[in-house]
Amino acid sequence: MNDASMEDVVRQLNDNDDWLVRAVAVRKLMRFGPAALPQLPRLFELVFDAKVPIQSDSCRVIRHLGAAAVPFLLERFRDSDARRRARTINLLSETGDRMSTTVRLAEQVLPPRNGELPEWGCEPDVVLDAFRKSLEDPDHHVRFAAASSLEEFGHDIPEVIPVLIETLAVGTAHEQNWAALRLGRIGTPARSACEALRRALDTDCRYTHLAVRNALQLIGCVTC
């Protein structure tokens, strides 16, 4: 039913019994554009739904709200739940049509950085400052999310490098992979990461191993 009213969609969005009803409602919200803005609190809750399709579609709707979603998302940095703070950073990093860097599994080298900032409206400095403050967050996953976003946009690289080095030792397998990739893209300014990268060669993940090996070469660690 593509002609469902906003009232119908909101009711379905809050259906806690049938996840398929929630999933369809999230997709329907996309066509309402800016009119979906009042549903941001519920959409943000659904980002953590047990069902992956609901999570991904909720993120997509929030991202497509663009700059209008930024004030709401900035408030989420005050959330006591570290998962929510980390996800907030991820959402802000792709606000609007800008997508973060992707990598080919077989290559494990990031393409050149796209310096274009997402659709943050008139608050780019406010968002970047929130990322910078998150480098000191008590939760490592939040620190890594902030470091990843700042590296993505080419900001505060000297402050980002220690967080990426830390991630090589304590991050999840996914985070370790991306820490190596981002250190490789930073290149020679990340020479302080050489020792940590050498230790990370012991990883059981062949993709991370390749990313680490590439980073060592890109940084010039062979001559450190």
Protein backbone atom coordinates (compact mmCIF):
# COMPACT_ATOMS: atom_id res chain seq x y z
CA MET A 1 0.00 0.00 0.00
CA ASN A 2 1.96 2.98 -1.29
CA ASP A 3 -0.84 5.42 -0.47
CA ALA A 4 -0.66 4.92 3.31
CA SER A 5 -1.01 8.13 5.31
CA MET A 6 1.67 9.36 7.67
CA GLU A 7 -0.66 8.48 10.54
CA ASP A 8 -0.87 4.87 9.33
CA VAL A 9 2.89 4.64 8.85
CA VAL A 10 3.60 6.01 12.34
CA ARG A 11 1.23 3.47 13.86
CA GLN A 12 2.99 0.66 11.99
CA LEU A 13 6.37 2.07 12.94
CA ASN A 14 5.49 1.60 16.60
CA ASP A 15 4.23 -1.98 16.18
CA ASN A 16 6.36 -3.96 18.62
CA ASP A 17 4.76 -7.31 17.83
CA ASP A 18 5.41 -7.82 14.12
CA TRP A 19 8.86 -6.86 12.84
CA LEU A 20 7.71 -7.11 9.22
CA VAL A 21 5.15 -4.36 9.87
CA ARG A 22 7.92 -2.17 11.30
CA ALA A 23 10.19 -2.95 8.37
CA VAL A 24 7.60 -1.96 5.78
CA ALA A 25 6.77 1.22 7.70
CA VAL A 26 10.41 2.32 7.74
CA ARG A 27 10.61 1.93 3.96
CA LYS A 28 7.37 3.86 3.51
CA LEU A 29 8.76 6.75 5.54
CA MET A 30 11.36 7.40 2.84
CA ARG A 31 8.75 8.83 0.46
CA PHE A 32 7.61 11.41 3.00
CA GLY A 33 10.96 13.21 2.85
CA PRO A 34 11.32 16.07 5.39
CA ALA A 35 7.84 15.30 6.75
CA ALA A 36 9.43 12.23 8.40
CA LEU A 37 11.57 14.46 10.64
CA PRO A 38 9.25 14.18 13.70
CA GLN A 39 9.83 10.40 13.58
CA LEU A 40 13.58 10.73 14.15
CA PRO A 41 13.47 9.56 17.80
CA ARG A 42 11.64 6.37 16.80
CA LEU A 43 13.89 5.85 13.77
CA PHE A 44 16.96 6.17 15.96
CA GLU A 45 15.55 3.52 18.30
CA LEU A 46 14.97 1.25 15.30
CA VAL A 47 18.61 1.61 14.30
CA PHE A 48 19.17 -0.84 17.18
CA ASP A 49 16.27 -3.16 16.30
CA ALA A 50 16.97 -6.89 16.52
CA LYS A 51 16.30 -7.25 12.80
CA VAL A 52 19.14 -6.17 10.49
CA PRO A 53 16.86 -4.99 7.63
CA ILE A 54 15.15 -2.58 10.01
CA GLN A 55 18.50 -1.33 11.27
CA SER A 56 19.86 -0.63 7.79
CA ASP A 57 16.66 0.95 6.45
CA SER A 58 16.31 3.17 9.52
CA CYS A 59 19.88 4.41 8.99
CA ARG A 60 19.08 5.08 5.35
CA VAL A 61 16.02 7.20 6.19
CA ILE A 62 17.98 9.20 8.78
CA ARG A 63 20.83 9.81 6.34
CA HIS A 64 18.44 10.98 3.63
CA LEU A 65 16.98 13.59 5.97
CA GLY A 66 20.30 15.35 5.49
CA ALA A 67 21.11 18.51 7.42
CA ALA A 68 17.65 18.52 9.02
CA ALA A 69 18.70 15.48 11.11
CA VAL A 70 21.94 17.04 12.36
CA PRO A 71 20.59 18.89 15.47
CA PHE A 72 18.88 15.70 16.67
CA LEU A 73 22.00 13.62 16.07
CA LEU A 74 24.25 16.11 17.86
CA GLU A 75 22.11 15.66 20.97
CA ARG A 76 22.85 11.93 20.86
CA PHE A 77 26.47 12.56 21.84
CA ARG A 78 25.12 13.01 25.38
CA ASP A 79 23.65 9.50 25.43
CA SER A 80 24.94 7.28 28.24
CA ASP A 81 24.98 4.26 25.89
CA ALA A 82 28.31 4.05 24.05
CA ARG A 83 26.72 2.09 21.19
CA ARG A 84 24.43 5.01 20.50
CA ARG A 85 27.25 7.53 20.59
CA ALA A 86 29.29 5.44 18.15
CA ARG A 87 26.34 4.96 15.80
CA THR A 88 25.66 8.70 15.92
CA ILE A 89 29.14 9.33 14.56
CA ASN A 90 28.58 6.79 11.80
CA LEU A 91 25.28 8.39 10.81
CA LEU A 92 26.72 11.89 10.78
CA SER A 93 29.59 10.69 8.61
CA GLU A 94 27.15 9.75 5.85
CA THR A 95 24.48 12.41 6.21
CA GLY A 96 22.86 13.19 2.89
CA ASP A 97 24.27 11.52 -0.22
CA ARG A 98 27.89 11.21 0.87
CA MET A 99 28.97 7.60 1.44
CA SER A 100 32.09 6.58 3.35
CA THR A 101 35.05 4.92 1.70
CA THR A 102 34.69 1.31 0.62
CA VAL A 103 37.46 -1.18 -0.03
CA ARG A 104 37.96 -4.11 -2.39
CA LEU A 105 38.52 -7.22 -0.27
CA ALA A 106 41.20 -8.58 -2.56
CA GLU A 107 43.22 -5.33 -2.55
CA GLN A 108 42.95 -3.98 1.02
CA VAL A 109 44.07 -0.46 0.08
CA LEU A 110 41.83 2.58 0.43
CA PRO A 111 41.32 4.92 -2.53
CA PRO A 112 42.33 8.59 -2.22
CA ARG A 113 40.34 10.55 0.33
CA ASN A 114 37.19 12.41 -0.66
CA GLY A 115 37.45 15.66 1.26
CA GLU A 116 33.82 16.65 0.70
CA LEU A 117 31.92 16.95 3.96
CA PRO A 118 28.43 15.46 4.38
CA GLU A 119 25.28 17.58 4.42
CA TRP A 120 25.67 19.17 7.83
CA GLY A 121 24.03 22.46 6.93
CA CYS A 122 25.53 25.45 8.70
CA GLU A 123 27.11 23.37 11.50
CA PRO A 124 30.22 21.68 10.03
CA ASP A 125 32.52 23.02 12.75
CA VAL A 126 30.09 21.91 15.46
CA VAL A 127 30.02 18.37 14.07
CA LEU A 128 33.78 18.18 13.64
CA ASP A 129 34.25 19.46 17.20
CA ALA A 130 31.93 16.70 18.45
CA PHE A 131 34.10 14.15 16.63
CA ARG A 132 37.24 15.67 18.14
CA LYS A 133 35.83 15.49 21.66
CA SER A 134 34.85 11.87 21.02
CA LEU A 135 38.52 10.98 20.54
CA GLU A 136 38.63 11.21 24.36
CA ASP A 137 35.47 9.17 24.93
CA PRO A 138 35.82 6.52 27.68
CA ASP A 139 34.63 3.84 25.24
CA HIS A 140 37.12 2.60 22.65
CA HIS A 141 34.47 1.91 19.99
CA VAL A 142 33.37 5.54 20.17
CA ARG A 143 36.97 6.73 19.95
CA PHE A 144 37.53 4.53 16.91
CA ALA A 145 34.35 5.78 15.22
CA ALA A 146 35.47 9.37 15.77
CA ALA A 147 39.00 8.67 14.52
CA SER A 148 37.62 6.93 11.44
CA SER A 149 35.38 9.84 10.58
CA LEU A 150 38.08 12.45 11.05
CA GLU A 151 40.47 10.42 8.89
CA GLU A 152 37.71 10.05 6.32
CA PHE A 153 37.55 13.83 5.95
CA GLY A 154 41.29 14.47 6.40
CA HIS A 155 40.97 16.34 9.69
CA ASP A 156 43.09 16.15 12.88
CA ILE A 157 45.29 13.36 11.51
CA PRO A 158 47.98 13.62 14.25
CA GLU A 159 45.29 13.10 16.92
CA VAL A 160 43.67 10.28 14.95
CA ILE A 161 46.81 8.15 14.59
CA PRO A 162 47.13 7.13 18.30
CA VAL A 163 43.52 5.92 18.33
CA LEU A 164 44.10 3.82 15.21
CA ILE A 165 47.27 2.38 16.78
CA GLU A 166 45.31 1.50 19.91
CA THR A 167 42.67 -0.17 17.76
CA LEU A 168 45.21 -2.54 16.25
CA ALA A 169 45.64 -4.01 19.73
CA VAL A 170 42.20 -3.83 21.32
CA GLY A 171 39.64 -3.41 18.52
CA THR A 172 37.34 -5.99 17.01
CA ALA A 173 38.57 -7.85 13.92
CA HIS A 174 36.58 -5.42 11.75
CA GLU A 175 38.02 -2.39 13.54
CA GLN A 176 41.57 -3.73 13.30
CA ASN A 177 41.14 -4.21 9.56
CA TRP A 178 39.94 -0.62 9.11
CA ALA A 179 42.59 0.78 11.43
CA ALA A 180 45.26 -0.74 9.20
CA LEU A 181 43.52 0.53 6.06
CA ARG A 182 43.27 4.07 7.39
CA LEU A 183 46.86 4.10 8.65
CA GLY A 184 47.94 2.99 5.19
CA ARG A 185 46.04 5.84 3.60
CA ILE A 186 47.61 8.33 6.03
CA GLY A 187 50.99 7.10 4.85
CA THR A 188 54.33 8.42 6.10
CA PRO A 189 52.84 10.72 8.80
CA ALA A 190 51.77 7.48 10.54
CA ARG A 191 55.31 6.16 11.05
CA SER A 192 54.65 5.95 14.79
CA ALA A 193 52.32 3.03 13.95
CA CYS A 194 55.10 0.83 12.54
CA GLU A 195 55.67 -1.28 15.64
CA ALA A 196 51.94 -1.83 16.23
CA LEU A 197 51.45 -2.78 12.58
CA ARG A 198 54.29 -5.32 12.74
CA ARG A 199 52.64 -6.93 15.76
CA ALA A 200 49.31 -6.97 13.91
CA LEU A 201 50.83 -9.17 11.18
CA ASP A 202 50.03 -12.10 13.50
CA THR A 203 46.30 -11.69 12.86
CA ASP A 204 44.31 -14.76 11.84
CA CYS A 205 42.30 -12.75 9.29
CA ARG A 206 43.93 -12.86 5.87
CA TYR A 207 42.28 -9.60 4.80
CA THR A 208 43.56 -7.75 7.84
CA HIS A 209 46.98 -9.33 7.33
CA LEU A 210 47.02 -7.97 3.78
CA ALA A 211 45.81 -4.53 4.95
CA VAL A 212 48.57 -4.46 7.57
CA ARG A 213 51.24 -5.52 5.07
CA ASN A 214 50.08 -2.84 2.64
CA ALA A 215 50.07 -0.21 5.40
CA LEU A 216 53.64 -1.10 6.35
CA GLN A 217 54.72 -0.49 2.76
CA LEU A 218 52.68 2.69 2.27
CA ILE A 219 54.01 4.19 5.48
CA GLY A 220 57.57 3.09 4.74
CA CYS A 221 57.93 1.00 7.84
CA VAL A 222 60.38 -1.38 6.17
CA THR A 223 63.08 1.21 6.73
CA CYS A 224 61.99 2.34 10.20
